[in-house]
Amino acid sequence: MKRIVSICLAAVMALALLAGCGASQQSEAKALTATPQELADQMVAALAPVQELVEAGEKVIDNYYAIDSDVITGYKVYISPAFQAEEIAVFSVAEGRMEDARAMVEKRVEDLKASFDGYLPDQLTQLEENAQVLENGNCICLVTGQAEGAAAAAKIFTDAQ
């Protein structure tokens, strides 16, 4: 009888272990169906920037972000040409490389802070209070701007499927 109970308990524990592993794999980040380009365009509209943001070209992006093609698989970036702390950047990230992507985006935030420090203190304050680095599925973004607009743009990103 003890042997049968032991075998049953072992089988139940094995099934529980397998079920637990399956659940954790299902909860991993899924790729978003929205592209970085679509998300960035929607986020810019929600941000309602003080000055019109311009889409950054490849050469400009190379100056602002250290993009590694092994980490970033697609992107769209909008920047302010008028010394405003307003920016939208959305990146799709290669599987398993989110930490590297986060470091890249956080470095951009620090660079922005350094550029406004001692020069435009009101923009530095806005940046410190409203800059958000967000992750959703296989994407990461930077959004910063006026409080209400930044919150609206962030919501579009976090609600994306």
N, C-alpha and C. Protein backbone atom coordinates (compact mmCIF):
# COMPACT_ATOMS: atom_id res chain seq x y z
N MET A 1 0.83 -1.19 0.00
CA MET A 1 0.00 0.00 0.00
C MET A 1 0.88 1.27 0.00
N LYS A 2 1.92 1.27 0.83
CA LYS A 2 2.82 2.44 0.89
C LYS A 2 3.48 2.68 -0.47
N ARG A 3 3.83 1.59 -1.13
CA ARG A 3 4.49 1.70 -2.42
C ARG A 3 3.54 2.34 -3.44
N ILE A 4 2.30 1.95 -3.46
CA ILE A 4 1.32 2.48 -4.39
C ILE A 4 1.08 3.96 -4.12
N VAL A 5 0.95 4.33 -2.84
CA VAL A 5 0.76 5.74 -2.47
C VAL A 5 1.97 6.55 -2.88
N SER A 6 3.16 6.03 -2.68
CA SER A 6 4.39 6.74 -3.05
C SER A 6 4.45 6.96 -4.56
N ILE A 7 4.09 5.94 -5.33
CA ILE A 7 4.11 6.07 -6.79
C ILE A 7 3.08 7.11 -7.24
N CYS A 8 1.89 7.08 -6.62
CA CYS A 8 0.85 8.07 -6.97
C CYS A 8 1.31 9.48 -6.65
N LEU A 9 1.92 9.66 -5.46
CA LEU A 9 2.41 11.00 -5.08
C LEU A 9 3.50 11.48 -6.03
N ALA A 10 4.40 10.58 -6.42
CA ALA A 10 5.46 10.94 -7.36
C ALA A 10 4.87 11.35 -8.70
N ALA A 11 3.86 10.62 -9.15
CA ALA A 11 3.21 10.95 -10.42
C ALA A 11 2.52 12.31 -10.35
N VAL A 12 1.84 12.58 -9.24
CA VAL A 12 1.16 13.86 -9.06
C VAL A 12 2.18 15.00 -9.04
N MET A 13 3.31 14.81 -8.34
CA MET A 13 4.34 15.85 -8.29
C MET A 13 4.95 16.07 -9.67
N ALA A 14 5.16 15.02 -10.43
CA ALA A 14 5.71 15.16 -11.78
C ALA A 14 4.75 15.94 -12.67
N LEU A 15 3.46 15.63 -12.58
CA LEU A 15 2.46 16.36 -13.36
C LEU A 15 2.39 17.83 -12.94
N ALA A 16 2.47 18.08 -11.65
CA ALA A 16 2.45 19.46 -11.16
C ALA A 16 3.67 20.23 -11.67
N LEU A 17 4.82 19.59 -11.67
CA LEU A 17 6.04 20.22 -12.18
C LEU A 17 5.89 20.54 -13.66
N LEU A 18 5.39 19.60 -14.44
CA LEU A 18 5.20 19.83 -15.87
C LEU A 18 4.18 20.93 -16.12
N ALA A 19 3.13 20.95 -15.37
CA ALA A 19 2.11 22.00 -15.53
C ALA A 19 2.68 23.36 -15.17
N GLY A 20 3.48 23.42 -14.13
CA GLY A 20 4.11 24.68 -13.72
C GLY A 20 5.05 25.21 -14.78
N CYS A 21 5.85 24.33 -15.39
CA CYS A 21 6.77 24.75 -16.44
C CYS A 21 6.01 25.25 -17.66
N GLY A 22 4.95 24.57 -18.01
CA GLY A 22 4.15 25.01 -19.16
C GLY A 22 3.55 26.37 -18.93
N ALA A 23 3.07 26.64 -17.73
CA ALA A 23 2.47 27.93 -17.43
C ALA A 23 3.49 29.05 -17.51
N SER A 24 4.72 28.81 -17.04
CA SER A 24 5.71 29.87 -17.08
C SER A 24 6.13 30.17 -18.51
N GLN A 25 6.16 29.16 -19.38
CA GLN A 25 6.50 29.41 -20.77
C GLN A 25 5.42 30.22 -21.46
N GLN A 26 4.15 29.95 -21.10
CA GLN A 26 3.06 30.68 -21.71
C GLN A 26 3.04 32.13 -21.27
N SER A 27 3.51 32.42 -20.05
CA SER A 27 3.46 33.78 -19.54
C SER A 27 4.62 34.65 -20.02
N GLU A 28 5.59 34.04 -20.73
CA GLU A 28 6.71 34.84 -21.24
C GLU A 28 6.20 35.88 -22.23
N ALA A 29 7.00 36.91 -22.43
CA ALA A 29 6.60 38.02 -23.31
C ALA A 29 6.31 37.52 -24.72
N LYS A 30 5.17 37.91 -25.23
CA LYS A 30 4.79 37.58 -26.59
C LYS A 30 5.12 38.76 -27.49
N ALA A 31 5.43 38.46 -28.73
CA ALA A 31 5.71 39.52 -29.69
C ALA A 31 4.44 40.33 -29.94
N LEU A 32 4.58 41.63 -29.98
CA LEU A 32 3.43 42.48 -30.27
C LEU A 32 3.10 42.39 -31.76
N THR A 33 1.83 42.51 -32.06
CA THR A 33 1.44 42.52 -33.47
C THR A 33 1.64 43.90 -34.08
N ALA A 34 1.59 44.94 -33.26
CA ALA A 34 1.85 46.31 -33.74
C ALA A 34 3.35 46.47 -33.97
N THR A 35 3.70 47.16 -35.04
CA THR A 35 5.11 47.40 -35.34
C THR A 35 5.60 48.62 -34.55
N PRO A 36 6.91 48.76 -34.38
CA PRO A 36 7.43 49.97 -33.74
C PRO A 36 6.98 51.24 -34.46
N GLN A 37 6.88 51.17 -35.78
CA GLN A 37 6.47 52.33 -36.56
C GLN A 37 5.03 52.72 -36.23
N GLU A 38 4.14 51.74 -36.18
CA GLU A 38 2.73 52.02 -35.86
C GLU A 38 2.59 52.57 -34.45
N LEU A 39 3.28 51.93 -33.51
CA LEU A 39 3.19 52.38 -32.12
C LEU A 39 3.73 53.80 -31.96
N ALA A 40 4.88 54.08 -32.55
CA ALA A 40 5.48 55.40 -32.42
C ALA A 40 4.57 56.48 -33.00
N ASP A 41 3.97 56.20 -34.14
CA ASP A 41 3.06 57.19 -34.76
C ASP A 41 1.87 57.47 -33.85
N GLN A 42 1.28 56.43 -33.28
CA GLN A 42 0.14 56.61 -32.38
C GLN A 42 0.56 57.36 -31.11
N MET A 43 1.74 57.04 -30.60
CA MET A 43 2.22 57.67 -29.37
C MET A 43 2.51 59.15 -29.57
N VAL A 44 3.05 59.52 -30.73
CA VAL A 44 3.32 60.93 -31.02
C VAL A 44 2.02 61.72 -31.03
N ALA A 45 1.00 61.14 -31.65
CA ALA A 45 -0.31 61.82 -31.68
C ALA A 45 -0.84 62.02 -30.27
N ALA A 46 -0.69 61.02 -29.42
CA ALA A 46 -1.18 61.12 -28.04
C ALA A 46 -0.34 62.09 -27.20
N LEU A 47 0.95 62.17 -27.50
CA LEU A 47 1.85 63.05 -26.74
C LEU A 47 1.48 64.51 -26.91
N ALA A 48 0.98 64.87 -28.08
CA ALA A 48 0.65 66.26 -28.38
C ALA A 48 1.82 67.17 -28.00
N PRO A 49 2.95 67.01 -28.68
CA PRO A 49 4.15 67.76 -28.30
C PRO A 49 4.00 69.27 -28.46
N VAL A 50 4.79 70.00 -27.66
CA VAL A 50 4.79 71.46 -27.73
C VAL A 50 5.24 71.91 -29.12
N GLN A 51 6.29 71.33 -29.61
CA GLN A 51 6.80 71.57 -30.95
C GLN A 51 6.65 70.27 -31.74
N GLU A 52 6.49 70.37 -33.04
CA GLU A 52 6.37 69.17 -33.85
C GLU A 52 7.63 68.32 -33.73
N LEU A 53 7.45 67.04 -33.48
CA LEU A 53 8.58 66.13 -33.43
C LEU A 53 8.90 65.67 -34.85
N VAL A 54 10.16 65.40 -35.10
CA VAL A 54 10.57 64.94 -36.42
C VAL A 54 11.09 63.51 -36.30
N GLU A 55 10.83 62.75 -37.35
CA GLU A 55 11.35 61.39 -37.38
C GLU A 55 12.86 61.44 -37.56
N ALA A 56 13.56 60.75 -36.70
CA ALA A 56 15.02 60.74 -36.77
C ALA A 56 15.47 59.73 -37.81
N GLY A 57 16.37 60.18 -38.66
CA GLY A 57 16.95 59.30 -39.66
C GLY A 57 18.04 58.43 -39.07
N GLU A 58 18.54 57.52 -39.86
CA GLU A 58 19.52 56.55 -39.38
C GLU A 58 20.78 57.21 -38.82
N LYS A 59 21.29 58.25 -39.48
CA LYS A 59 22.50 58.92 -39.00
C LYS A 59 22.27 59.63 -37.67
N VAL A 60 21.11 60.25 -37.52
CA VAL A 60 20.79 60.93 -36.26
C VAL A 60 20.65 59.90 -35.15
N ILE A 61 19.97 58.81 -35.44
CA ILE A 61 19.78 57.76 -34.44
C ILE A 61 21.12 57.19 -34.00
N ASP A 62 22.03 57.02 -34.94
CA ASP A 62 23.37 56.52 -34.58
C ASP A 62 24.06 57.45 -33.59
N ASN A 63 23.78 58.76 -33.64
CA ASN A 63 24.37 59.70 -32.70
C ASN A 63 23.74 59.60 -31.31
N TYR A 64 22.46 59.22 -31.25
CA TYR A 64 21.72 59.23 -29.99
C TYR A 64 21.61 57.87 -29.31
N TYR A 65 21.59 56.81 -30.10
CA TYR A 65 21.43 55.46 -29.57
C TYR A 65 22.53 54.58 -30.13
N ALA A 66 23.08 53.72 -29.30
CA ALA A 66 24.09 52.76 -29.76
C ALA A 66 23.36 51.50 -30.19
N ILE A 67 22.77 51.54 -31.40
CA ILE A 67 21.95 50.42 -31.87
C ILE A 67 22.84 49.30 -32.37
N ASP A 68 22.59 48.13 -31.81
CA ASP A 68 23.27 46.90 -32.21
C ASP A 68 22.23 46.05 -32.94
N SER A 69 22.50 45.68 -34.19
CA SER A 69 21.52 44.93 -34.98
C SER A 69 21.27 43.53 -34.41
N ASP A 70 22.13 43.05 -33.52
CA ASP A 70 21.87 41.78 -32.84
C ASP A 70 20.86 41.96 -31.70
N VAL A 71 20.64 43.20 -31.28
CA VAL A 71 19.73 43.50 -30.17
C VAL A 71 18.42 44.08 -30.70
N ILE A 72 18.52 45.08 -31.56
CA ILE A 72 17.36 45.81 -32.07
C ILE A 72 17.03 45.31 -33.47
N THR A 73 15.77 44.89 -33.66
CA THR A 73 15.37 44.35 -34.96
C THR A 73 14.50 45.32 -35.76
N GLY A 74 14.05 46.39 -35.14
CA GLY A 74 13.26 47.41 -35.82
C GLY A 74 13.05 48.57 -34.88
N TYR A 75 12.79 49.76 -35.44
CA TYR A 75 12.61 50.93 -34.58
C TYR A 75 11.99 52.08 -35.34
N LYS A 76 11.49 53.02 -34.55
CA LYS A 76 11.10 54.34 -35.06
C LYS A 76 11.29 55.31 -33.92
N VAL A 77 11.95 56.42 -34.22
CA VAL A 77 12.29 57.42 -33.21
C VAL A 77 11.84 58.79 -33.69
N TYR A 78 11.17 59.52 -32.80
CA TYR A 78 10.81 60.91 -33.04
C TYR A 78 11.51 61.76 -31.99
N ILE A 79 12.16 62.83 -32.44
CA ILE A 79 12.87 63.73 -31.52
C ILE A 79 12.40 65.16 -31.73
N SER A 80 12.68 65.98 -30.74
CA SER A 80 12.35 67.40 -30.81
C SER A 80 13.53 68.17 -31.39
N PRO A 81 13.32 68.94 -32.44
CA PRO A 81 14.40 69.75 -32.97
C PRO A 81 14.50 71.10 -32.26
N ALA A 82 13.65 71.32 -31.25
CA ALA A 82 13.54 72.65 -30.65
C ALA A 82 13.93 72.68 -29.17
N PHE A 83 14.88 71.88 -28.76
CA PHE A 83 15.37 71.87 -27.39
C PHE A 83 14.25 71.67 -26.37
N GLN A 84 13.36 70.73 -26.68
CA GLN A 84 12.29 70.33 -25.76
C GLN A 84 12.60 68.91 -25.29
N ALA A 85 12.25 68.63 -24.05
CA ALA A 85 12.43 67.28 -23.51
C ALA A 85 11.25 66.42 -23.93
N GLU A 86 11.11 66.25 -25.24
CA GLU A 86 10.04 65.44 -25.81
C GLU A 86 10.65 64.47 -26.81
N GLU A 87 10.37 63.20 -26.60
CA GLU A 87 10.92 62.18 -27.48
C GLU A 87 10.07 60.92 -27.37
N ILE A 88 9.89 60.26 -28.50
CA ILE A 88 9.25 58.96 -28.57
C ILE A 88 10.20 58.06 -29.32
N ALA A 89 10.56 56.93 -28.73
CA ALA A 89 11.41 55.96 -29.39
C ALA A 89 10.87 54.57 -29.08
N VAL A 90 10.59 53.81 -30.12
CA VAL A 90 10.06 52.46 -29.95
C VAL A 90 10.98 51.49 -30.69
N PHE A 91 11.39 50.43 -30.00
CA PHE A 91 12.31 49.45 -30.55
C PHE A 91 11.74 48.05 -30.40
N SER A 92 11.84 47.24 -31.45
CA SER A 92 11.56 45.81 -31.28
C SER A 92 12.91 45.16 -30.96
N VAL A 93 12.86 44.21 -30.05
CA VAL A 93 14.08 43.65 -29.47
C VAL A 93 14.18 42.16 -29.80
N ALA A 94 15.37 41.73 -30.15
CA ALA A 94 15.62 40.31 -30.42
C ALA A 94 15.39 39.50 -29.15
N GLU A 95 14.98 38.27 -29.34
CA GLU A 95 14.69 37.39 -28.21
C GLU A 95 15.90 37.27 -27.28
N GLY A 96 15.65 37.45 -26.00
CA GLY A 96 16.69 37.31 -24.98
C GLY A 96 17.61 38.50 -24.84
N ARG A 97 17.33 39.62 -25.51
CA ARG A 97 18.24 40.77 -25.49
C ARG A 97 17.62 42.01 -24.84
N MET A 98 16.55 41.84 -24.08
CA MET A 98 15.87 42.99 -23.48
C MET A 98 16.78 43.77 -22.53
N GLU A 99 17.62 43.08 -21.78
CA GLU A 99 18.54 43.78 -20.85
C GLU A 99 19.45 44.74 -21.61
N ASP A 100 19.98 44.29 -22.75
CA ASP A 100 20.85 45.14 -23.57
C ASP A 100 20.08 46.33 -24.12
N ALA A 101 18.86 46.08 -24.56
CA ALA A 101 18.03 47.16 -25.10
C ALA A 101 17.70 48.18 -24.01
N ARG A 102 17.38 47.70 -22.81
CA ARG A 102 17.06 48.60 -21.70
C ARG A 102 18.27 49.48 -21.37
N ALA A 103 19.45 48.90 -21.36
CA ALA A 103 20.66 49.68 -21.09
C ALA A 103 20.86 50.76 -22.15
N MET A 104 20.59 50.44 -23.40
CA MET A 104 20.73 51.40 -24.49
C MET A 104 19.77 52.58 -24.30
N VAL A 105 18.51 52.29 -23.97
CA VAL A 105 17.52 53.34 -23.80
C VAL A 105 17.80 54.16 -22.54
N GLU A 106 18.19 53.51 -21.47
CA GLU A 106 18.50 54.25 -20.24
C GLU A 106 19.71 55.16 -20.43
N LYS A 107 20.66 54.74 -21.25
CA LYS A 107 21.81 55.61 -21.56
C LYS A 107 21.33 56.85 -22.29
N ARG A 108 20.36 56.70 -23.18
CA ARG A 108 19.81 57.87 -23.89
C ARG A 108 19.17 58.84 -22.91
N VAL A 109 18.45 58.32 -21.93
CA VAL A 109 17.83 59.19 -20.92
C VAL A 109 18.91 59.97 -20.17
N GLU A 110 19.97 59.30 -19.80
CA GLU A 110 21.07 59.98 -19.08
C GLU A 110 21.73 61.03 -19.97
N ASP A 111 21.90 60.73 -21.25
CA ASP A 111 22.47 61.71 -22.19
C ASP A 111 21.57 62.93 -22.33
N LEU A 112 20.25 62.69 -22.40
CA LEU A 112 19.31 63.82 -22.46
C LEU A 112 19.40 64.68 -21.21
N LYS A 113 19.46 64.05 -20.06
CA LYS A 113 19.58 64.80 -18.80
C LYS A 113 20.84 65.66 -18.80
N ALA A 114 21.94 65.08 -19.25
CA ALA A 114 23.20 65.82 -19.30
C ALA A 114 23.12 67.01 -20.25
N SER A 115 22.38 66.84 -21.36
CA SER A 115 22.29 67.92 -22.33
C SER A 115 21.45 69.10 -21.82
N PHE A 116 20.49 68.83 -20.94
CA PHE A 116 19.65 69.90 -20.40
C PHE A 116 20.18 70.46 -19.09
N ASP A 117 21.01 69.72 -18.39
CA ASP A 117 21.51 70.15 -17.09
C ASP A 117 22.33 71.43 -17.21
N GLY A 118 21.94 72.46 -16.48
CA GLY A 118 22.64 73.73 -16.49
C GLY A 118 22.32 74.59 -17.70
N TYR A 119 21.52 74.08 -18.62
CA TYR A 119 21.22 74.81 -19.84
C TYR A 119 19.74 75.17 -19.90
N LEU A 120 18.89 74.19 -19.74
CA LEU A 120 17.44 74.39 -19.72
C LEU A 120 16.86 73.65 -18.51
N PRO A 121 16.93 74.27 -17.34
CA PRO A 121 16.52 73.56 -16.12
C PRO A 121 15.06 73.13 -16.12
N ASP A 122 14.17 73.88 -16.76
CA ASP A 122 12.76 73.47 -16.81
C ASP A 122 12.59 72.20 -17.63
N GLN A 123 13.37 72.06 -18.70
CA GLN A 123 13.30 70.84 -19.52
C GLN A 123 13.93 69.65 -18.78
N LEU A 124 14.98 69.92 -18.01
CA LEU A 124 15.58 68.86 -17.20
C LEU A 124 14.58 68.35 -16.18
N THR A 125 13.87 69.25 -15.53
CA THR A 125 12.85 68.85 -14.56
C THR A 125 11.77 68.02 -15.22
N GLN A 126 11.31 68.47 -16.39
CA GLN A 126 10.29 67.71 -17.13
C GLN A 126 10.78 66.31 -17.46
N LEU A 127 12.01 66.23 -17.89
CA LEU A 127 12.61 64.95 -18.24
C LEU A 127 12.71 64.04 -17.01
N GLU A 128 13.18 64.59 -15.91
CA GLU A 128 13.32 63.79 -14.69
C GLU A 128 11.97 63.30 -14.17
N GLU A 129 10.94 64.11 -14.34
CA GLU A 129 9.63 63.75 -13.81
C GLU A 129 8.82 62.86 -14.76
N ASN A 130 9.03 62.97 -16.06
CA ASN A 130 8.12 62.32 -17.00
C ASN A 130 8.75 61.27 -17.91
N ALA A 131 10.06 61.16 -17.94
CA ALA A 131 10.68 60.16 -18.82
C ALA A 131 10.34 58.75 -18.33
N GLN A 132 9.90 57.92 -19.25
CA GLN A 132 9.54 56.55 -18.91
C GLN A 132 10.18 55.60 -19.91
N VAL A 133 10.79 54.55 -19.40
CA VAL A 133 11.29 53.46 -20.21
C VAL A 133 10.36 52.29 -19.93
N LEU A 134 9.64 51.84 -20.97
CA LEU A 134 8.60 50.83 -20.80
C LEU A 134 8.88 49.62 -21.67
N GLU A 135 8.44 48.47 -21.20
CA GLU A 135 8.56 47.23 -21.97
C GLU A 135 7.19 46.63 -22.16
N ASN A 136 6.98 46.06 -23.33
CA ASN A 136 5.74 45.36 -23.64
C ASN A 136 6.06 44.31 -24.68
N GLY A 137 5.91 43.06 -24.30
CA GLY A 137 6.23 41.97 -25.22
C GLY A 137 7.69 42.04 -25.65
N ASN A 138 7.92 42.08 -26.95
CA ASN A 138 9.28 42.13 -27.47
C ASN A 138 9.71 43.56 -27.81
N CYS A 139 9.01 44.56 -27.25
CA CYS A 139 9.33 45.96 -27.55
C CYS A 139 9.69 46.72 -26.28
N ILE A 140 10.48 47.76 -26.49
CA ILE A 140 10.85 48.68 -25.42
C ILE A 140 10.70 50.09 -25.99
N CYS A 141 10.34 51.03 -25.13
CA CYS A 141 10.20 52.39 -25.63
C CYS A 141 10.70 53.40 -24.61
N LEU A 142 10.99 54.58 -25.12
CA LEU A 142 11.25 55.76 -24.30
C LEU A 142 10.19 56.77 -24.68
N VAL A 143 9.52 57.30 -23.68
CA VAL A 143 8.56 58.37 -23.91
C VAL A 143 8.83 59.45 -22.88
N THR A 144 8.91 60.68 -23.36
CA THR A 144 9.05 61.81 -22.46
C THR A 144 8.40 63.03 -23.10
N GLY A 145 7.86 63.87 -22.25
CA GLY A 145 7.18 65.07 -22.69
C GLY A 145 6.40 65.66 -21.53
N GLN A 146 5.43 66.52 -21.83
CA GLN A 146 4.57 67.07 -20.80
C GLN A 146 3.86 65.92 -20.09
N ALA A 147 3.54 66.08 -18.82
CA ALA A 147 3.02 64.99 -18.00
C ALA A 147 1.82 64.28 -18.60
N GLU A 148 0.78 65.01 -18.97
CA GLU A 148 -0.44 64.38 -19.48
C GLU A 148 -0.19 63.68 -20.81
N GLY A 149 0.53 64.33 -21.70
CA GLY A 149 0.82 63.72 -22.99
C GLY A 149 1.70 62.49 -22.86
N ALA A 150 2.71 62.56 -21.99
CA ALA A 150 3.59 61.41 -21.79
C ALA A 150 2.82 60.23 -21.23
N ALA A 151 1.89 60.51 -20.31
CA ALA A 151 1.07 59.44 -19.74
C ALA A 151 0.17 58.83 -20.80
N ALA A 152 -0.41 59.65 -21.67
CA ALA A 152 -1.28 59.15 -22.74
C ALA A 152 -0.48 58.29 -23.74
N ALA A 153 0.71 58.75 -24.08
CA ALA A 153 1.55 58.00 -25.02
C ALA A 153 2.00 56.67 -24.39
N ALA A 154 2.34 56.71 -23.11
CA ALA A 154 2.75 55.49 -22.41
C ALA A 154 1.61 54.47 -22.37
N LYS A 155 0.40 54.95 -22.19
CA LYS A 155 -0.76 54.06 -22.14
C LYS A 155 -0.96 53.35 -23.48
N ILE A 156 -0.77 54.05 -24.57
CA ILE A 156 -0.88 53.41 -25.89
C ILE A 156 0.12 52.27 -26.00
N PHE A 157 1.35 52.50 -25.53
CA PHE A 157 2.38 51.46 -25.61
C PHE A 157 2.04 50.28 -24.71
N THR A 158 1.69 50.56 -23.47
CA THR A 158 1.45 49.45 -22.53
C THR A 158 0.18 48.67 -22.87
N ASP A 159 -0.79 49.30 -23.52
CA ASP A 159 -2.03 48.62 -23.90
C ASP A 159 -1.93 47.88 -25.24
N ALA A 160 -0.83 48.08 -25.96
CA ALA A 160 -0.70 47.45 -27.29
C ALA A 160 -0.67 45.94 -27.16
N GLN A 161 -1.23 45.30 -28.16
CA GLN A 161 -1.27 43.83 -28.20
C GLN A 161 -0.26 43.32 -29.20
